Protein backbone atom coordinates (compact mmCIF):
# COMPACT_ATOMS: atom_id res chain seq x y z
CA MET A 1 2.94 2.15 -1.49
CA LYS A 2 1.21 4.45 -3.64
CA LYS A 3 -1.05 1.70 -5.09
CA ILE A 4 -2.16 0.57 -1.63
CA PHE A 5 -2.96 4.33 -0.79
CA PHE A 6 -5.31 4.39 -3.84
CA LEU A 7 -6.81 1.09 -2.92
CA VAL A 8 -7.58 2.42 0.68
CA LEU A 9 -9.16 5.55 -0.80
CA ILE A 10 -11.37 3.50 -3.08
CA LEU A 11 -12.46 1.30 -0.18
CA LEU A 12 -13.08 4.33 2.11
CA ASN A 13 -15.27 5.80 -0.67
CA THR A 14 -17.06 2.49 -0.99
CA VAL A 15 -17.69 2.44 2.91
CA PHE A 16 -19.19 5.89 2.80
CA LEU A 17 -21.36 5.29 -0.25
CA ARG A 18 -22.84 2.05 1.41
CA ILE A 19 -22.94 2.93 5.06
CA TYR A 20 -23.91 6.71 5.17
CA LYS A 21 -27.55 7.08 6.39
CA ILE A 22 -28.21 3.40 5.60
CA GLY A 23 -31.17 3.35 8.02
CA LEU A 24 -32.88 6.31 6.34
CA VAL A 25 -32.07 5.89 2.64
CA PRO A 26 -34.03 3.98 1.60
CA PRO A 27 -36.45 4.16 4.40
CA LEU A 28 -36.62 1.18 6.56
CA LYS A 29 -39.93 -0.88 6.84
CA SER A 30 -38.78 -2.33 10.15
CA GLN A 31 -36.09 -1.45 12.53
CA ALA A 32 -35.34 -5.21 12.89
CA ASP A 33 -34.18 -5.20 9.24
CA LEU A 34 -31.19 -2.81 9.82
CA ASP A 35 -28.75 -5.52 10.85
CA LEU A 36 -29.44 -7.46 7.68
CA ARG A 37 -28.86 -4.26 5.68
CA TYR A 38 -25.39 -3.95 7.30
CA LEU A 39 -24.66 -7.44 6.25
CA SER A 40 -25.49 -6.55 2.56
CA SER A 41 -23.19 -3.38 2.93
CA ILE A 42 -20.29 -5.26 4.37
CA LEU A 43 -20.48 -8.03 1.68
CA GLY A 44 -20.80 -5.18 -0.85
CA ILE A 45 -17.64 -3.57 0.51
CA LEU A 46 -15.68 -6.93 0.52
CA SER A 47 -16.87 -7.51 -3.10
CA VAL A 48 -15.16 -4.18 -4.19
CA PHE A 49 -11.90 -5.43 -2.46
CA LEU A 50 -12.30 -8.94 -4.12
CA ILE A 51 -13.03 -7.34 -7.57
CA TYR A 52 -9.60 -5.63 -7.34
CA PHE A 53 -7.88 -8.98 -7.13
CA TYR A 54 -10.13 -10.44 -9.78
CA VAL A 55 -9.44 -7.84 -12.35
CA LYS A 56 -5.76 -7.68 -11.46
CA LYS A 57 -5.41 -11.55 -11.92
CA ILE A 58 -7.25 -11.41 -15.28
CA PHE A 59 -4.86 -8.95 -16.58
CA GLN A 60 -1.55 -10.56 -15.58
CA GLU A 61 -1.15 -9.07 -12.23
CA ASN A 62 -1.66 -5.53 -13.49
CA VAL A 63 -2.32 -3.58 -10.24
CA ARG A 64 -3.58 -0.34 -12.03
CA MET A 65 -6.27 -2.44 -13.86
CA GLY A 66 -7.29 -3.96 -10.41
CA LEU A 67 -7.53 -0.46 -8.93
CA LEU A 68 -9.57 0.59 -12.06
CA GLY A 69 -11.96 -2.24 -11.79
CA ALA A 70 -12.58 -1.75 -8.00
CA TRP A 71 -13.28 1.88 -8.66
CA VAL A 72 -15.73 1.24 -11.38
CA PHE A 73 -17.40 -1.52 -9.46
CA SER A 74 -17.72 0.69 -6.41
CA LEU A 75 -19.52 3.49 -8.47
CA LEU A 76 -22.00 1.32 -10.33
CA PRO A 77 -25.53 2.52 -9.22
CA TRP A 78 -26.77 -0.99 -9.07
CA THR A 79 -24.14 -1.96 -6.62
CA ILE A 80 -24.82 1.00 -4.37
CA GLU A 81 -28.57 0.47 -4.47
CA GLN A 82 -28.38 -3.39 -3.62
CA ASN A 83 -25.75 -3.01 -0.93
CA ARG A 84 -27.91 -0.72 1.03
CA ILE A 85 -30.96 -3.08 1.36
CA ILE A 86 -31.48 -6.58 2.27
CA SER A 87 -30.42 -8.31 -1.05
CA GLN A 88 -29.94 -11.85 -1.83
CA PRO A 89 -28.31 -11.16 -5.14
CA THR A 90 -25.68 -9.11 -3.12
CA TYR A 91 -24.86 -12.34 -1.29
CA ALA A 92 -24.76 -14.46 -4.32
CA LEU A 93 -22.53 -11.91 -5.98
CA PHE A 94 -19.95 -12.08 -3.25
CA ILE A 95 -19.95 -15.87 -3.45
CA LEU A 96 -19.50 -15.69 -7.29
CA ILE A 97 -16.57 -13.30 -7.08
CA ILE A 98 -14.81 -15.66 -4.70
CA ALA A 99 -15.62 -18.53 -6.99
CA LEU A 100 -14.25 -16.69 -10.06
CA LEU A 101 -11.05 -15.86 -8.04
CA ILE A 102 -10.39 -19.52 -7.13
CA SER A 103 -11.04 -20.72 -10.75
CA LEU A 104 -8.49 -18.12 -11.92
CA VAL A 105 -5.80 -19.21 -9.45
CA ASN A 106 -6.27 -22.92 -10.02
CA LYS A 107 -5.73 -24.29 -13.68
CA ASN A 108 -6.77 -27.91 -12.80
CA LYS A 109 -10.12 -28.38 -14.63
CA ILE A 110 -11.49 -30.81 -11.78
CA ILE A 111 -10.98 -28.15 -9.15
CA LYS A 112 -12.50 -25.60 -11.37
CA TYR A 113 -15.72 -27.53 -11.77
CA GLY A 114 -15.57 -28.40 -8.11
CA VAL A 115 -15.49 -24.78 -7.15
CA PHE A 116 -18.46 -23.87 -9.43
CA PHE A 117 -20.48 -26.91 -7.97
CA VAL A 118 -19.84 -25.72 -4.38
CA PHE A 119 -20.72 -22.19 -5.62
CA ALA A 120 -24.19 -23.47 -6.93
CA LEU A 121 -24.73 -25.38 -3.63
CA ILE A 122 -24.06 -22.33 -1.50
CA LEU A 123 -26.31 -20.15 -3.98
CA TYR A 124 -29.23 -22.46 -3.22
CA PHE A 125 -29.11 -21.47 0.38
CA VAL A 126 -28.17 -17.79 0.09
CA TYR A 127 -30.23 -16.95 -2.96
CA PRO A 128 -33.36 -19.07 -2.68
CA GLN A 129 -35.05 -16.54 -5.11
CA PHE A 130 -33.01 -17.82 -7.95
CA TRP A 131 -35.61 -18.89 -10.50
CA LEU A 132 -33.63 -22.02 -11.51
CA PHE A 133 -34.29 -23.60 -7.98
CA ARG A 134 -38.11 -22.87 -8.08
CA HIS A 135 -39.61 -22.70 -11.63
CA PHE A 136 -37.43 -24.50 -13.88
CA ALA A 137 -40.39 -25.93 -15.83
CA HIS A 138 -41.95 -22.80 -16.69
CA LEU A 139 -39.62 -21.18 -19.34
CA PRO A 140 -40.57 -18.57 -21.78
CA GLY A 141 -40.85 -19.17 -25.58
CA ILE A 142 -37.94 -18.46 -28.06
CA LYS A 143 -39.46 -15.28 -29.17
CA ASP A 144 -39.87 -14.06 -25.50
CA VAL A 145 -36.40 -15.12 -24.64
CA ALA A 146 -35.03 -13.10 -27.68
CA ASP A 147 -37.02 -10.17 -26.76
CA ASN A 148 -35.75 -10.32 -23.13
CA VAL A 149 -32.09 -10.57 -24.36
CA PHE A 150 -32.56 -7.29 -26.39
CA ILE A 151 -34.07 -5.58 -23.28
CA LEU A 152 -31.31 -6.63 -21.10
CA VAL A 153 -28.52 -5.34 -23.48
CA SER A 154 -30.54 -2.30 -24.43
CA PRO A 155 -29.31 1.32 -23.71
CA ASP A 156 -32.60 2.05 -22.01
CA LEU A 157 -32.09 -0.56 -19.29
CA LEU A 158 -28.33 -0.11 -18.96
CA PHE A 159 -28.32 3.79 -18.69
CA PHE A 160 -31.83 5.07 -18.18
CA LYS A 161 -34.57 2.68 -16.59
CA ASN A 162 -33.88 -0.13 -14.51
CA ILE A 163 -36.90 -2.52 -14.78
CA THR A 164 -35.21 -5.74 -13.24
CA PHE A 165 -35.76 -4.73 -9.52
CA TRP A 166 -38.92 -3.13 -8.27
CA TRP A 167 -38.09 -2.56 -4.59
CA GLY A 168 -34.56 -1.42 -3.79
CA GLY A 169 -33.67 -0.17 -7.30
CA VAL A 170 -33.90 3.24 -8.73
CA ARG A 171 -36.12 2.79 -11.74
CA ASP A 172 -35.39 6.16 -13.09
CA TYR A 173 -31.59 5.37 -13.47
CA GLY A 174 -30.15 2.44 -15.46
CA ILE A 175 -27.85 -0.26 -14.02
CA LEU A 176 -24.86 1.77 -15.15
CA LEU A 177 -23.89 5.41 -15.31
CA LEU A 178 -24.41 6.99 -18.73
CA GLY A 179 -20.86 8.42 -18.50
CA PHE A 180 -19.56 4.84 -18.73
CA LEU A 181 -21.10 4.24 -22.16
CA PRO A 182 -18.06 5.09 -24.41
CA PHE A 183 -15.85 3.02 -22.07
CA LEU A 184 -18.31 0.05 -22.17
CA LEU A 185 -18.37 0.05 -25.95
CA VAL A 186 -14.50 0.29 -26.50
CA GLY A 187 -13.81 -2.18 -23.71
CA PHE A 188 -16.35 -4.78 -24.95
CA TYR A 189 -14.80 -4.54 -28.38
CA ARG A 190 -11.28 -5.00 -26.94
CA VAL A 191 -12.46 -8.02 -24.85
CA VAL A 192 -14.03 -9.66 -27.95
CA VAL A 193 -11.05 -8.98 -30.17
CA SER A 194 -8.69 -10.46 -27.55
CA GLN A 195 -11.08 -13.50 -27.24
CA LYS A 196 -11.01 -13.43 -23.44
CA LYS A 197 -13.30 -16.46 -22.95
CA GLU A 198 -13.09 -16.40 -19.15
CA ILE A 199 -15.15 -13.03 -19.30
CA LEU A 200 -17.25 -13.58 -22.40
CA LEU A 201 -18.57 -17.01 -21.60
CA PRO A 202 -19.88 -16.50 -18.08
CA PHE A 203 -21.30 -13.07 -19.11
CA PHE A 204 -23.32 -14.60 -22.01
CA LEU A 205 -24.24 -17.49 -19.90
CA LEU A 206 -25.70 -15.24 -17.19
CA LEU A 207 -27.44 -13.13 -19.90
CA MET A 208 -29.26 -16.18 -21.19
CA ILE A 209 -30.30 -17.25 -17.60
CA SER A 210 -31.62 -13.90 -16.93
CA ALA A 211 -33.51 -13.80 -20.24
CA LEU A 212 -35.02 -17.25 -19.59
CA SER A 213 -36.43 -16.01 -16.21
CA PRO A 214 -40.29 -16.90 -15.82
CA PHE A 215 -40.43 -13.74 -13.82
CA PHE A 216 -39.07 -11.44 -16.30
CA PRO A 217 -38.56 -8.28 -16.19
CA GLU A 218 -37.81 -9.21 -12.48
CA SER A 219 -34.71 -10.89 -13.74
CA ARG A 220 -32.61 -10.28 -10.61
CA GLU A 221 -30.01 -12.83 -11.84
CA TYR A 222 -28.64 -10.22 -14.39
CA TYR A 223 -27.10 -8.68 -11.26
CA LEU A 224 -24.29 -11.37 -11.29
CA THR A 225 -23.06 -10.08 -14.59
CA LEU A 226 -21.58 -7.02 -12.90
CA PRO A 227 -18.02 -8.35 -12.48
CA PHE A 228 -17.95 -8.89 -16.20
CA ILE A 229 -19.39 -5.53 -17.22
CA THR A 230 -16.92 -3.97 -14.79
CA VAL A 231 -14.02 -5.56 -16.84
CA PHE A 232 -15.51 -4.19 -20.10
CA ILE A 233 -15.76 -0.66 -18.65
CA SER A 234 -12.15 -0.91 -17.11
CA VAL A 235 -10.74 -2.04 -20.26
CA GLY A 236 -12.32 0.80 -22.14
CA ILE A 237 -11.07 3.35 -19.73
CA TRP A 238 -7.64 1.87 -19.95
CA ASN A 239 -7.50 2.01 -23.67
CA ILE A 240 -9.05 5.46 -24.03
CA PHE A 241 -6.93 7.20 -21.26
CA ARG A 242 -3.75 5.48 -22.63
CA ASN A 243 -4.06 7.00 -26.02
CA LYS A 244 -1.42 9.73 -26.47
CA TYR A 245 -3.15 11.90 -29.27
CA PHE A 246 -4.19 15.25 -28.20
CA LEU A 247 -7.77 15.08 -29.23
CA SER A 248 -8.12 11.91 -27.32
CA ASN A 249 -6.78 13.49 -24.29
CA VAL A 250 -9.18 16.40 -24.51
CA LEU A 251 -12.05 13.94 -25.12
CA SER A 252 -10.91 11.76 -21.94
CA VAL A 253 -10.97 14.89 -19.77
CA PHE A 254 -14.47 15.66 -21.13
CA LEU A 255 -15.63 12.18 -20.39
CA PHE A 256 -14.35 12.06 -17.06
CA LEU A 257 -16.03 15.47 -16.16
CA PHE A 258 -19.27 13.99 -17.65
CA LEU A 259 -18.94 10.90 -15.45
CA ILE A 260 -18.62 12.97 -12.27
CA TYR A 261 -21.63 15.08 -13.26
CA ASP A 262 -23.48 11.91 -13.94
CA PHE A 263 -22.71 10.19 -10.72
CA ALA A 264 -23.64 13.36 -8.70
CA GLY A 265 -27.02 13.45 -10.52
CA PHE A 266 -27.53 9.78 -9.33
CA LEU A 267 -26.46 10.57 -5.73
CA HIS A 268 -28.95 13.44 -5.61
CA PHE A 269 -31.75 11.38 -6.92
CA TYR A 270 -31.00 8.55 -4.77
CA GLN A 271 -30.66 10.58 -1.45
CA ILE A 272 -33.38 13.01 -2.01
CA HIS A 273 -36.16 11.83 -4.47
CA TYR A 274 -36.00 8.08 -4.15
CA PRO A 275 -36.70 7.97 -0.36
CA GLN A 276 -39.83 10.08 -0.99
CA PHE A 277 -41.16 7.23 -3.50
CA ILE A 278 -40.32 4.57 -1.10
CA ILE A 279 -42.18 6.20 1.85
CA GLY A 280 -45.22 6.39 -0.30
CA ASN A 281 -45.11 2.76 -1.11
CA LEU A 282 -43.88 1.22 2.06
CA HIS A 283 -47.32 -0.52 2.66
CA ASN A 284 -46.63 -2.44 -0.63
CA ILE A 285 -43.47 -4.01 0.55
CA HIS A 286 -44.09 -7.27 2.30
CA VAL A 287 -40.56 -8.80 2.58
CA PRO A 288 -37.61 -7.73 4.79
CA TYR A 289 -36.22 -4.51 3.24
């Protein structure tokens, strides 16, 4: 019962972060676009719910890990930003999480391949901007791809400046909170050591797809790595907070307080300063937003 209570709290917080002032932040270009913004928000909320089951399933039905994953995913700046605008990557991510869940439940390889074939088919219709569907022949060179990979995994993009989305993304913040950095490092190390291929292989595949984009740095496909990044961060939090040493406990409290401070700073920037930037550039937006 207590675990259900925490899940409900996470979902209520998710709803608030994605629905509150959705028609004002960021400013609407057309009132007719509001319904589609709500669609993105609803799919974003459902994605948090699905992430709970996805992370729980990966870690042998560990409910606490599932709750941790849902909480982390709901706080990622990138998900909040994209769930509050008309976002094709949000639609694609929702479908991807469903596909990941089905593939975890079914061990039959034929079913697994079938699930991801259906996912690719649906992706074609819900995310037509995906570069693989339009410009497969215009790939960057090897040097450019290597440079792109380093940019995508750089601290600058992860924590300080998101260059992968122009409209709808807060470019003065990274795709993650800086407060997640120690947890991301520890979690990634633990996942690599434990050789969780179901996390590492799709993450690196999507990383390469993003780096190969002819439209780089508008590499929106990188958004689809968030379920796996969420697992890295969740594993890091789990390992750090379960350490029984006194100094580790003190450090954990400090990291948690810094995370709260960092998230408050993001919300302030997103709610106050970011709308002013958008208002001054509405004339440059030529797509539903």
